[in-house]
Amino acid sequence: MLTLHALDDGLVVPENEEKYREAFLAAGRPDQLVQLYTPTGGHCGFSAAEHVAAFLALTGWVEKGTVPTVASAQATCSAVAPVAGGACEIIDAMPAEWAVRVVERRQKGAPVRSLVCADDVGDCPDGSTCSPETHHCR
């Protein structure tokens, strides 16, 4: 999975990306997730060049096995910008912890053990802890 998220997105806050990381970690597949960021763009306001770069990064990964990096996505973005148009700024970033902006909640009746975690503050509901072995709340 490849994600592209603007750090100034106020609708879907970038801290949500931490939950993707935790889910892939819990599944034992962190190498199957690449997360790319732009400093601006709001919600779905990426430039055409940034969209094309992300798409080419994903298809190159699927078709050729070339795992995207921030540097390779930015290089592709710079290369296609004259044709595709728009700003081109794909950066390396690490948003704040999810619980800083979002309160953990769970579906009524869903067991606590179904929640993925990375032992960060607020990952698991009060009264439960994160298992370092399974990356699930207990």
C-alpha atoms as a PDB file:
ATOM      1  CA  MET A   1       0.000   0.000   0.000  1.00  0.00           C
ATOM      2  CA  LEU A   2       1.216   3.473  -0.808  1.00  0.00           C
ATOM      3  CA  THR A   3      -0.308   6.517   0.870  1.00  0.00           C
ATOM      4  CA  LEU A   4       0.079  10.201   0.034  1.00  0.00           C
ATOM      5  CA  HIS A   5      -1.016  12.598   2.754  1.00  0.00           C
ATOM      6  CA  ALA A   6      -0.788  16.373   3.121  1.00  0.00           C
ATOM      7  CA  LEU A   7       0.488  17.476   6.518  1.00  0.00           C
ATOM      8  CA  ASP A   8      -1.981  20.385   6.502  1.00  0.00           C
ATOM      9  CA  ASP A   9      -5.026  18.145   5.907  1.00  0.00           C
ATOM     10  CA  GLY A  10      -7.635  19.277   8.417  1.00  0.00           C
ATOM     11  CA  LEU A  11     -10.316  16.816   7.357  1.00  0.00           C
ATOM     12  CA  VAL A  12      -8.376  13.564   7.682  1.00  0.00           C
ATOM     13  CA  VAL A  13      -5.546  14.493  10.016  1.00  0.00           C
ATOM     14  CA  PRO A  14      -2.117  13.109   9.103  1.00  0.00           C
ATOM     15  CA  GLU A  15      -1.905  11.375  12.488  1.00  0.00           C
ATOM     16  CA  ASN A  16      -4.250   8.762  10.978  1.00  0.00           C
ATOM     17  CA  GLU A  17      -1.227   7.457   9.079  1.00  0.00           C
ATOM     18  CA  GLU A  18       0.105   6.079  12.379  1.00  0.00           C
ATOM     19  CA  LYS A  19      -2.825   3.662  12.520  1.00  0.00           C
ATOM     20  CA  TYR A  20      -1.914   2.331   9.069  1.00  0.00           C
ATOM     21  CA  ARG A  21       1.648   1.741  10.306  1.00  0.00           C
ATOM     22  CA  GLU A  22       0.350  -0.046  13.396  1.00  0.00           C
ATOM     23  CA  ALA A  23      -1.985  -2.266  11.354  1.00  0.00           C
ATOM     24  CA  PHE A  24       0.801  -3.316   8.983  1.00  0.00           C
ATOM     25  CA  LEU A  25       3.143  -3.900  11.934  1.00  0.00           C
ATOM     26  CA  ALA A  26       0.520  -6.046  13.696  1.00  0.00           C
ATOM     27  CA  ALA A  27       0.058  -8.061  10.504  1.00  0.00           C
ATOM     28  CA  GLY A  28       3.815  -8.616  10.292  1.00  0.00           C
ATOM     29  CA  ARG A  29       3.997  -6.743   6.975  1.00  0.00           C
ATOM     30  CA  PRO A  30       5.508  -3.314   7.631  1.00  0.00           C
ATOM     31  CA  ASP A  31       7.525  -3.647   4.420  1.00  0.00           C
ATOM     32  CA  GLN A  32       4.283  -3.550   2.409  1.00  0.00           C
ATOM     33  CA  LEU A  33       3.498   0.054   3.390  1.00  0.00           C
ATOM     34  CA  VAL A  34       5.118   3.198   2.006  1.00  0.00           C
ATOM     35  CA  GLN A  35       3.914   6.545   3.321  1.00  0.00           C
ATOM     36  CA  LEU A  36       4.616   9.761   1.430  1.00  0.00           C
ATOM     37  CA  TYR A  37       3.791  13.290   2.546  1.00  0.00           C
ATOM     38  CA  THR A  38       3.437  16.771   1.137  1.00  0.00           C
ATOM     39  CA  PRO A  39       3.686  19.868   3.364  1.00  0.00           C
ATOM     40  CA  THR A  40       0.560  21.411   1.799  1.00  0.00           C
ATOM     41  CA  GLY A  41      -2.402  20.346  -0.250  1.00  0.00           C
ATOM     42  CA  GLY A  42      -5.149  20.118   2.322  1.00  0.00           C
ATOM     43  CA  HIS A  43      -7.606  17.312   1.726  1.00  0.00           C
ATOM     44  CA  CYS A  44      -7.176  15.962  -1.813  1.00  0.00           C
ATOM     45  CA  GLY A  45      -5.479  19.141  -3.033  1.00  0.00           C
ATOM     46  CA  PHE A  46      -2.323  17.522  -4.394  1.00  0.00           C
ATOM     47  CA  SER A  47      -0.893  18.855  -7.627  1.00  0.00           C
ATOM     48  CA  ALA A  48      -1.191  16.815 -10.800  1.00  0.00           C
ATOM     49  CA  ALA A  49       2.562  16.149 -10.654  1.00  0.00           C
ATOM     50  CA  GLU A  50       2.292  14.787  -7.088  1.00  0.00           C
ATOM     51  CA  HIS A  51      -0.619  12.531  -8.103  1.00  0.00           C
ATOM     52  CA  VAL A  52       1.269  11.208 -11.119  1.00  0.00           C
ATOM     53  CA  ALA A  53       4.441  10.632  -9.060  1.00  0.00           C
ATOM     54  CA  ALA A  54       2.524   8.646  -6.434  1.00  0.00           C
ATOM     55  CA  PHE A  55       0.751   6.611  -9.108  1.00  0.00           C
ATOM     56  CA  LEU A  56       4.000   5.832 -10.929  1.00  0.00           C
ATOM     57  CA  ALA A  57       5.672   4.928  -7.627  1.00  0.00           C
ATOM     58  CA  LEU A  58       2.875   2.462  -6.858  1.00  0.00           C
ATOM     59  CA  THR A  59       2.783   0.904 -10.333  1.00  0.00           C
ATOM     60  CA  GLY A  60       6.585   0.594 -10.378  1.00  0.00           C
ATOM     61  CA  TRP A  61       6.388  -1.208  -7.044  1.00  0.00           C
ATOM     62  CA  VAL A  62       3.660  -3.589  -8.215  1.00  0.00           C
ATOM     63  CA  GLU A  63       4.987  -4.253 -11.708  1.00  0.00           C
ATOM     64  CA  LYS A  64       8.755  -4.155 -11.161  1.00  0.00           C
ATOM     65  CA  GLY A  65       9.214  -4.688  -7.422  1.00  0.00           C
ATOM     66  CA  THR A  66      10.890  -1.286  -7.000  1.00  0.00           C
ATOM     67  CA  VAL A  67       9.986  -0.131  -3.498  1.00  0.00           C
ATOM     68  CA  PRO A  68       9.274   3.616  -3.583  1.00  0.00           C
ATOM     69  CA  THR A  69      11.247   6.047  -1.452  1.00  0.00           C
ATOM     70  CA  VAL A  70      10.708   9.711  -0.731  1.00  0.00           C
ATOM     71  CA  ALA A  71      13.719  10.508  -2.924  1.00  0.00           C
ATOM     72  CA  SER A  72      12.523   8.406  -5.870  1.00  0.00           C
ATOM     73  CA  ALA A  73       8.970   9.802  -5.667  1.00  0.00           C
ATOM     74  CA  GLN A  74      10.308  13.365  -5.492  1.00  0.00           C
ATOM     75  CA  ALA A  75      12.607  12.732  -8.474  1.00  0.00           C
ATOM     76  CA  THR A  76       9.680  11.373 -10.494  1.00  0.00           C
ATOM     77  CA  CYS A  77       7.547  14.316  -9.414  1.00  0.00           C
ATOM     78  CA  SER A  78      10.208  16.788 -10.567  1.00  0.00           C
ATOM     79  CA  ALA A  79      10.527  14.957 -13.874  1.00  0.00           C
ATOM     80  CA  VAL A  80       6.789  14.972 -14.658  1.00  0.00           C
ATOM     81  CA  ALA A  81       6.017  18.452 -13.287  1.00  0.00           C
ATOM     82  CA  PRO A  82       6.737  20.290 -16.563  1.00  0.00           C
ATOM     83  CA  VAL A  83       4.122  18.134 -18.318  1.00  0.00           C
ATOM     84  CA  ALA A  84       1.652  17.359 -15.496  1.00  0.00           C
ATOM     85  CA  GLY A  85       1.876  20.756 -13.812  1.00  0.00           C
ATOM     86  CA  GLY A  86       1.663  22.021 -10.286  1.00  0.00           C
ATOM     87  CA  ALA A  87       3.835  22.080  -7.226  1.00  0.00           C
ATOM     88  CA  CYS A  88       6.143  19.211  -6.522  1.00  0.00           C
ATOM     89  CA  GLU A  89       7.150  18.684  -2.930  1.00  0.00           C
ATOM     90  CA  ILE A  90       7.125  15.126  -1.604  1.00  0.00           C
ATOM     91  CA  ILE A  91       8.851  15.041   1.764  1.00  0.00           C
ATOM     92  CA  ASP A  92       9.903  12.686   4.518  1.00  0.00           C
ATOM     93  CA  ALA A  93       7.765  13.253   7.602  1.00  0.00           C
ATOM     94  CA  MET A  94       6.513  11.562  10.737  1.00  0.00           C
ATOM     95  CA  PRO A  95       3.179  12.941  11.974  1.00  0.00           C
ATOM     96  CA  ALA A  96       2.531  13.165  15.698  1.00  0.00           C
ATOM     97  CA  GLU A  97       1.105  10.265  17.659  1.00  0.00           C
ATOM     98  CA  TRP A  98      -2.485   9.448  16.727  1.00  0.00           C
ATOM     99  CA  ALA A  99      -3.796   9.888  20.267  1.00  0.00           C
ATOM    100  CA  VAL A 100      -2.526  13.483  20.325  1.00  0.00           C
ATOM    101  CA  ARG A 101      -5.358  14.473  17.952  1.00  0.00           C
ATOM    102  CA  VAL A 102      -7.857  11.589  18.066  1.00  0.00           C
ATOM    103  CA  VAL A 103      -9.452   9.783  20.992  1.00  0.00           C
ATOM    104  CA  GLU A 104      -9.264   5.983  20.639  1.00  0.00           C
ATOM    105  CA  ARG A 105     -12.713   4.537  20.183  1.00  0.00           C
ATOM    106  CA  ARG A 106     -13.981   1.157  19.273  1.00  0.00           C
ATOM    107  CA  GLN A 107     -17.115  -0.389  17.929  1.00  0.00           C
ATOM    108  CA  LYS A 108     -19.569  -1.306  20.679  1.00  0.00           C
ATOM    109  CA  GLY A 109     -19.042  -4.938  21.578  1.00  0.00           C
ATOM    110  CA  ALA A 110     -15.733  -5.215  19.703  1.00  0.00           C
ATOM    111  CA  PRO A 111     -13.086  -6.841  21.883  1.00  0.00           C
ATOM    112  CA  VAL A 112     -10.180  -4.683  23.043  1.00  0.00           C
ATOM    113  CA  ARG A 113      -7.789  -7.270  21.549  1.00  0.00           C
ATOM    114  CA  SER A 114      -9.004  -6.260  18.067  1.00  0.00           C
ATOM    115  CA  LEU A 115      -7.319  -2.831  18.380  1.00  0.00           C
ATOM    116  CA  VAL A 116      -3.836  -2.535  16.894  1.00  0.00           C
ATOM    117  CA  CYS A 117      -1.183  -0.595  18.771  1.00  0.00           C
ATOM    118  CA  ALA A 118       2.494   0.308  18.908  1.00  0.00           C
ATOM    119  CA  ASP A 119       2.666   1.009  22.646  1.00  0.00           C
ATOM    120  CA  ASP A 120       2.201   4.746  22.132  1.00  0.00           C
ATOM    121  CA  VAL A 121       0.315   6.912  24.608  1.00  0.00           C
ATOM    122  CA  GLY A 122      -3.411   6.590  23.955  1.00  0.00           C
ATOM    123  CA  ASP A 123      -3.148   3.562  21.657  1.00  0.00           C
ATOM    124  CA  CYS A 124      -5.270   1.380  23.928  1.00  0.00           C
ATOM    125  CA  PRO A 125      -8.345   2.306  25.963  1.00  0.00           C
ATOM    126  CA  ASP A 126      -7.976   2.979  29.679  1.00  0.00           C
ATOM    127  CA  GLY A 127      -7.417  -0.203  31.649  1.00  0.00           C
ATOM    128  CA  SER A 128      -5.707  -2.040  28.809  1.00  0.00           C
ATOM    129  CA  THR A 129      -2.124  -2.215  27.547  1.00  0.00           C
ATOM    130  CA  CYS A 130      -0.360  -2.893  24.269  1.00  0.00           C
ATOM    131  CA  SER A 131       1.185  -6.324  23.770  1.00  0.00           C
ATOM    132  CA  PRO A 132       4.664  -5.902  22.245  1.00  0.00           C
ATOM    133  CA  GLU A 133       4.447  -9.434  20.811  1.00  0.00           C
ATOM    134  CA  THR A 134       1.144  -9.103  18.923  1.00  0.00           C
ATOM    135  CA  HIS A 135       0.786  -5.300  18.574  1.00  0.00           C
ATOM    136  CA  HIS A 136      -2.779  -5.564  19.835  1.00  0.00           C
ATOM    137  CA  CYS A 137      -4.379  -4.144  22.971  1.00  0.00           C
ATOM    138  CA  ARG A 138      -5.021  -6.570  25.832  1.00  0.00           C
END
